[in-house]
Amino acid sequence: MVGLVACGDTGPLSSGDAVDAATYEAVIDRFMPPPRSSGSTQVVYVAGVGGATLSLDDQVKIIDSFEAEYDVRFVDDFDAAVDPDLDGAPPRDDGVLIGVGKITDAPPHTVRVEVYVAADEIDAQLVTVVHQAGVWVIDAVEPVEPEVLVGDE
């Protein structure tokens, strides 16, 4: 998969440009499923992977940024998001589970993202983000093997 290439200043960040909720929002947005045309919101579970955690304030900012089209629900573990009693152990409420690792504080700002749709349908990517013109943008997306959201098949 080819990511968007951003051009511009990618020098050292000022204190106002530190990795924050906006950085995670840019990454999560890249992996959101298409919005439903029915007018109902799509459930999207978000879990920190590899020890990554977001503050409650950052979680609220991310939830608010997507609330028009998505019902974003942060979960602490895999089991809270999937229904092991259904064939393929899909996410509950006809949703999708996005696992997001910790974004590195120093450039290059990389993060592992895994998107879980079912036990046999997991996509994993290594994402690089850059801060450009005051916003975070995806610089590169590289497919990798799923490691975290593999669950018990």
C-alpha atoms as a PDB file:
ATOM      1  CA  MET A   1       0.000   0.000   0.000  1.00  0.00           C
ATOM      2  CA  VAL A   2       1.343   3.421  -0.847  1.00  0.00           C
ATOM      3  CA  GLY A   3       0.934   6.277   1.619  1.00  0.00           C
ATOM      4  CA  LEU A   4       0.561   9.955   0.930  1.00  0.00           C
ATOM      5  CA  VAL A   5       3.841  11.756   0.542  1.00  0.00           C
ATOM      6  CA  ALA A   6       4.087  15.042   2.389  1.00  0.00           C
ATOM      7  CA  CYS A   7       6.499  17.747   1.370  1.00  0.00           C
ATOM      8  CA  GLY A   8       7.665  20.597   3.503  1.00  0.00           C
ATOM      9  CA  ASP A   9       9.400  21.315   6.760  1.00  0.00           C
ATOM     10  CA  THR A  10       9.909  18.181   8.809  1.00  0.00           C
ATOM     11  CA  GLY A  11      12.548  19.700  11.097  1.00  0.00           C
ATOM     12  CA  PRO A  12      12.560  19.601  14.884  1.00  0.00           C
ATOM     13  CA  LEU A  13       9.203  20.099  16.539  1.00  0.00           C
ATOM     14  CA  SER A  14       8.451  23.036  18.768  1.00  0.00           C
ATOM     15  CA  SER A  15       6.745  22.385  22.092  1.00  0.00           C
ATOM     16  CA  GLY A  16       3.387  23.172  20.436  1.00  0.00           C
ATOM     17  CA  ASP A  17       4.011  20.527  17.763  1.00  0.00           C
ATOM     18  CA  ALA A  18       4.579  17.567  20.069  1.00  0.00           C
ATOM     19  CA  VAL A  19       2.927  14.205  19.453  1.00  0.00           C
ATOM     20  CA  ASP A  20      -0.588  14.569  20.873  1.00  0.00           C
ATOM     21  CA  ALA A  21      -4.244  13.666  20.263  1.00  0.00           C
ATOM     22  CA  ALA A  22      -4.120  15.333  16.829  1.00  0.00           C
ATOM     23  CA  THR A  23      -1.265  13.035  15.827  1.00  0.00           C
ATOM     24  CA  TYR A  24      -3.236   9.946  16.815  1.00  0.00           C
ATOM     25  CA  GLU A  25      -6.359  11.360  15.158  1.00  0.00           C
ATOM     26  CA  ALA A  26      -4.497  11.654  11.837  1.00  0.00           C
ATOM     27  CA  VAL A  27      -3.347   8.046  12.108  1.00  0.00           C
ATOM     28  CA  ILE A  28      -6.732   6.642  13.163  1.00  0.00           C
ATOM     29  CA  ASP A  29      -8.514   8.614  10.433  1.00  0.00           C
ATOM     30  CA  ARG A  30      -6.430   6.823   7.785  1.00  0.00           C
ATOM     31  CA  PHE A  31      -7.824   3.449   8.908  1.00  0.00           C
ATOM     32  CA  MET A  32     -11.476   4.307   9.526  1.00  0.00           C
ATOM     33  CA  PRO A  33     -13.941   2.221   7.516  1.00  0.00           C
ATOM     34  CA  PRO A  34     -16.066   4.030   4.939  1.00  0.00           C
ATOM     35  CA  PRO A  35     -18.935   5.907   6.608  1.00  0.00           C
ATOM     36  CA  ARG A  36     -22.306   4.227   6.387  1.00  0.00           C
ATOM     37  CA  SER A  37     -24.731   5.707   3.892  1.00  0.00           C
ATOM     38  CA  SER A  38     -27.713   4.789   6.055  1.00  0.00           C
ATOM     39  CA  GLY A  39     -27.128   7.678   8.423  1.00  0.00           C
ATOM     40  CA  SER A  40     -26.274   5.383  11.335  1.00  0.00           C
ATOM     41  CA  THR A  41     -22.854   5.632  12.903  1.00  0.00           C
ATOM     42  CA  GLN A  42     -20.294   2.865  12.467  1.00  0.00           C
ATOM     43  CA  VAL A  43     -18.846   1.407  15.681  1.00  0.00           C
ATOM     44  CA  VAL A  44     -15.056   1.631  15.774  1.00  0.00           C
ATOM     45  CA  TYR A  45     -13.159   0.190  18.717  1.00  0.00           C
ATOM     46  CA  VAL A  46      -9.715   1.659  19.354  1.00  0.00           C
ATOM     47  CA  ALA A  47      -7.185  -0.169  21.496  1.00  0.00           C
ATOM     48  CA  GLY A  48      -3.671   0.756  22.468  1.00  0.00           C
ATOM     49  CA  VAL A  49      -1.241  -1.961  21.416  1.00  0.00           C
ATOM     50  CA  GLY A  50       2.268  -2.675  22.572  1.00  0.00           C
ATOM     51  CA  GLY A  51       1.762  -0.814  25.836  1.00  0.00           C
ATOM     52  CA  ALA A  52       0.434   2.357  24.192  1.00  0.00           C
ATOM     53  CA  THR A  53      -2.080   4.383  26.178  1.00  0.00           C
ATOM     54  CA  LEU A  54      -3.773   7.712  25.596  1.00  0.00           C
ATOM     55  CA  SER A  55      -4.922  10.051  28.323  1.00  0.00           C
ATOM     56  CA  LEU A  56      -8.635  10.348  28.941  1.00  0.00           C
ATOM     57  CA  ASP A  57      -8.504  13.926  27.585  1.00  0.00           C
ATOM     58  CA  ASP A  58      -6.891  12.708  24.346  1.00  0.00           C
ATOM     59  CA  GLN A  59      -9.468   9.916  24.032  1.00  0.00           C
ATOM     60  CA  VAL A  60     -12.302  12.435  24.390  1.00  0.00           C
ATOM     61  CA  LYS A  61     -10.746  14.699  21.733  1.00  0.00           C
ATOM     62  CA  ILE A  62     -10.492  11.777  19.318  1.00  0.00           C
ATOM     63  CA  ILE A  63     -14.052  10.598  20.038  1.00  0.00           C
ATOM     64  CA  ASP A  64     -15.371  14.135  19.497  1.00  0.00           C
ATOM     65  CA  SER A  65     -13.506  14.542  16.218  1.00  0.00           C
ATOM     66  CA  PHE A  66     -15.216  11.489  14.699  1.00  0.00           C
ATOM     67  CA  GLU A  67     -18.642  11.647  16.377  1.00  0.00           C
ATOM     68  CA  ALA A  68     -20.573  12.762  13.271  1.00  0.00           C
ATOM     69  CA  GLU A  69     -19.971   9.465  11.443  1.00  0.00           C
ATOM     70  CA  TYR A  70     -18.453   7.037  13.948  1.00  0.00           C
ATOM     71  CA  ASP A  71     -19.158   5.717  17.419  1.00  0.00           C
ATOM     72  CA  VAL A  72     -15.547   5.506  18.634  1.00  0.00           C
ATOM     73  CA  ARG A  73     -15.084   3.348  21.728  1.00  0.00           C
ATOM     74  CA  PHE A  74     -11.715   3.006  23.427  1.00  0.00           C
ATOM     75  CA  VAL A  75     -11.113  -0.424  24.935  1.00  0.00           C
ATOM     76  CA  ASP A  76      -8.369  -1.672  27.211  1.00  0.00           C
ATOM     77  CA  ASP A  77      -8.111  -5.124  25.728  1.00  0.00           C
ATOM     78  CA  PHE A  78      -8.923  -7.244  22.718  1.00  0.00           C
ATOM     79  CA  ASP A  79     -11.642  -9.279  24.487  1.00  0.00           C
ATOM     80  CA  ALA A  80     -13.750  -6.189  25.188  1.00  0.00           C
ATOM     81  CA  ALA A  81     -14.131  -5.516  21.467  1.00  0.00           C
ATOM     82  CA  VAL A  82     -14.621  -8.952  19.886  1.00  0.00           C
ATOM     83  CA  ASP A  83     -17.372 -11.538  20.145  1.00  0.00           C
ATOM     84  CA  PRO A  84     -15.668 -14.927  20.467  1.00  0.00           C
ATOM     85  CA  ASP A  85     -19.038 -16.726  20.256  1.00  0.00           C
ATOM     86  CA  LEU A  86     -19.633 -15.706  16.640  1.00  0.00           C
ATOM     87  CA  ASP A  87     -17.966 -17.377  13.667  1.00  0.00           C
ATOM     88  CA  GLY A  88     -14.663 -15.622  12.958  1.00  0.00           C
ATOM     89  CA  ALA A  89     -14.787 -13.704  16.274  1.00  0.00           C
ATOM     90  CA  PRO A  90     -15.751 -10.357  14.687  1.00  0.00           C
ATOM     91  CA  PRO A  91     -15.825  -7.082  16.612  1.00  0.00           C
ATOM     92  CA  ARG A  92     -19.021  -6.530  18.583  1.00  0.00           C
ATOM     93  CA  ASP A  93     -21.849  -4.359  17.226  1.00  0.00           C
ATOM     94  CA  ASP A  94     -20.830  -4.950  13.584  1.00  0.00           C
ATOM     95  CA  GLY A  95     -17.783  -2.783  14.229  1.00  0.00           C
ATOM     96  CA  VAL A  96     -14.096  -2.746  13.449  1.00  0.00           C
ATOM     97  CA  LEU A  97     -11.156  -2.783  15.866  1.00  0.00           C
ATOM     98  CA  ILE A  98      -8.195  -0.495  15.266  1.00  0.00           C
ATOM     99  CA  GLY A  99      -5.118  -1.189  17.354  1.00  0.00           C
ATOM    100  CA  VAL A 100      -2.684   1.718  17.583  1.00  0.00           C
ATOM    101  CA  GLY A 101       0.786   1.563  19.102  1.00  0.00           C
ATOM    102  CA  LYS A 102       2.771   4.404  20.634  1.00  0.00           C
ATOM    103  CA  ILE A 103       3.884   7.031  18.145  1.00  0.00           C
ATOM    104  CA  THR A 104       7.584   7.669  18.527  1.00  0.00           C
ATOM    105  CA  ASP A 105       8.383  11.087  19.993  1.00  0.00           C
ATOM    106  CA  ALA A 106      11.442  11.669  17.811  1.00  0.00           C
ATOM    107  CA  PRO A 107      11.433  11.705  14.004  1.00  0.00           C
ATOM    108  CA  PRO A 108      10.749   9.628  12.126  1.00  0.00           C
ATOM    109  CA  HIS A 109       7.399   9.434  13.931  1.00  0.00           C
ATOM    110  CA  THR A 110       6.319   5.851  13.347  1.00  0.00           C
ATOM    111  CA  VAL A 111       3.536   3.706  14.763  1.00  0.00           C
ATOM    112  CA  ARG A 112       2.195   0.180  14.270  1.00  0.00           C
ATOM    113  CA  VAL A 113      -1.506   0.035  13.369  1.00  0.00           C
ATOM    114  CA  GLU A 114      -3.527  -3.158  13.119  1.00  0.00           C
ATOM    115  CA  VAL A 115      -7.083  -3.275  11.796  1.00  0.00           C
ATOM    116  CA  TYR A 116      -9.107  -6.275  12.933  1.00  0.00           C
ATOM    117  CA  VAL A 117     -12.315  -7.179  11.084  1.00  0.00           C
ATOM    118  CA  ALA A 118     -12.324 -10.895  11.962  1.00  0.00           C
ATOM    119  CA  ALA A 119      -9.878 -13.522  13.235  1.00  0.00           C
ATOM    120  CA  ASP A 120      -8.821 -14.247   9.662  1.00  0.00           C
ATOM    121  CA  GLU A 121      -8.958 -10.642   8.441  1.00  0.00           C
ATOM    122  CA  ILE A 122      -6.305  -8.511  10.125  1.00  0.00           C
ATOM    123  CA  ASP A 123      -4.260  -5.884   8.319  1.00  0.00           C
ATOM    124  CA  ALA A 124      -1.139  -4.439   9.898  1.00  0.00           C
ATOM    125  CA  GLN A 125       0.775  -1.362   8.809  1.00  0.00           C
ATOM    126  CA  LEU A 126       3.783   0.617   9.938  1.00  0.00           C
ATOM    127  CA  VAL A 127       2.794   4.264   9.577  1.00  0.00           C
ATOM    128  CA  THR A 128       5.064   7.307   9.468  1.00  0.00           C
ATOM    129  CA  VAL A 129       3.548  10.721  10.217  1.00  0.00           C
ATOM    130  CA  VAL A 130       5.078  14.154   9.778  1.00  0.00           C
ATOM    131  CA  HIS A 131       4.127  17.557  11.090  1.00  0.00           C
ATOM    132  CA  GLN A 132       3.604  19.895   8.155  1.00  0.00           C
ATOM    133  CA  ALA A 133       2.163  23.410   8.094  1.00  0.00           C
ATOM    134  CA  GLY A 134       0.729  22.987  11.591  1.00  0.00           C
ATOM    135  CA  VAL A 135      -1.002  19.631  11.027  1.00  0.00           C
ATOM    136  CA  TRP A 136      -0.043  15.971  11.191  1.00  0.00           C
ATOM    137  CA  VAL A 137      -0.167  14.076   7.904  1.00  0.00           C
ATOM    138  CA  ILE A 138       0.569  10.520   6.838  1.00  0.00           C
ATOM    139  CA  ASP A 139       3.954  10.344   5.126  1.00  0.00           C
ATOM    140  CA  ALA A 140       4.209   6.599   4.494  1.00  0.00           C
ATOM    141  CA  VAL A 141       2.317   3.357   5.095  1.00  0.00           C
ATOM    142  CA  GLU A 142       4.158   0.054   4.904  1.00  0.00           C
ATOM    143  CA  PRO A 143       2.392  -3.327   5.224  1.00  0.00           C
ATOM    144  CA  VAL A 144       3.755  -5.564   7.994  1.00  0.00           C
ATOM    145  CA  GLU A 145       2.677  -8.871   9.504  1.00  0.00           C
ATOM    146  CA  PRO A 146      -0.035  -8.708  12.200  1.00  0.00           C
ATOM    147  CA  GLU A 147       1.459  -9.388  15.623  1.00  0.00           C
ATOM    148  CA  VAL A 148      -0.784  -7.907  18.270  1.00  0.00           C
ATOM    149  CA  LEU A 149      -4.473  -8.353  17.416  1.00  0.00           C
ATOM    150  CA  VAL A 150      -4.189 -11.965  16.367  1.00  0.00           C
ATOM    151  CA  GLY A 151      -6.327 -13.224  19.275  1.00  0.00           C
ATOM    152  CA  ASP A 152      -7.001 -16.904  19.859  1.00  0.00           C
ATOM    153  CA  GLU A 153      -7.966 -18.510  16.577  1.00  0.00           C
END
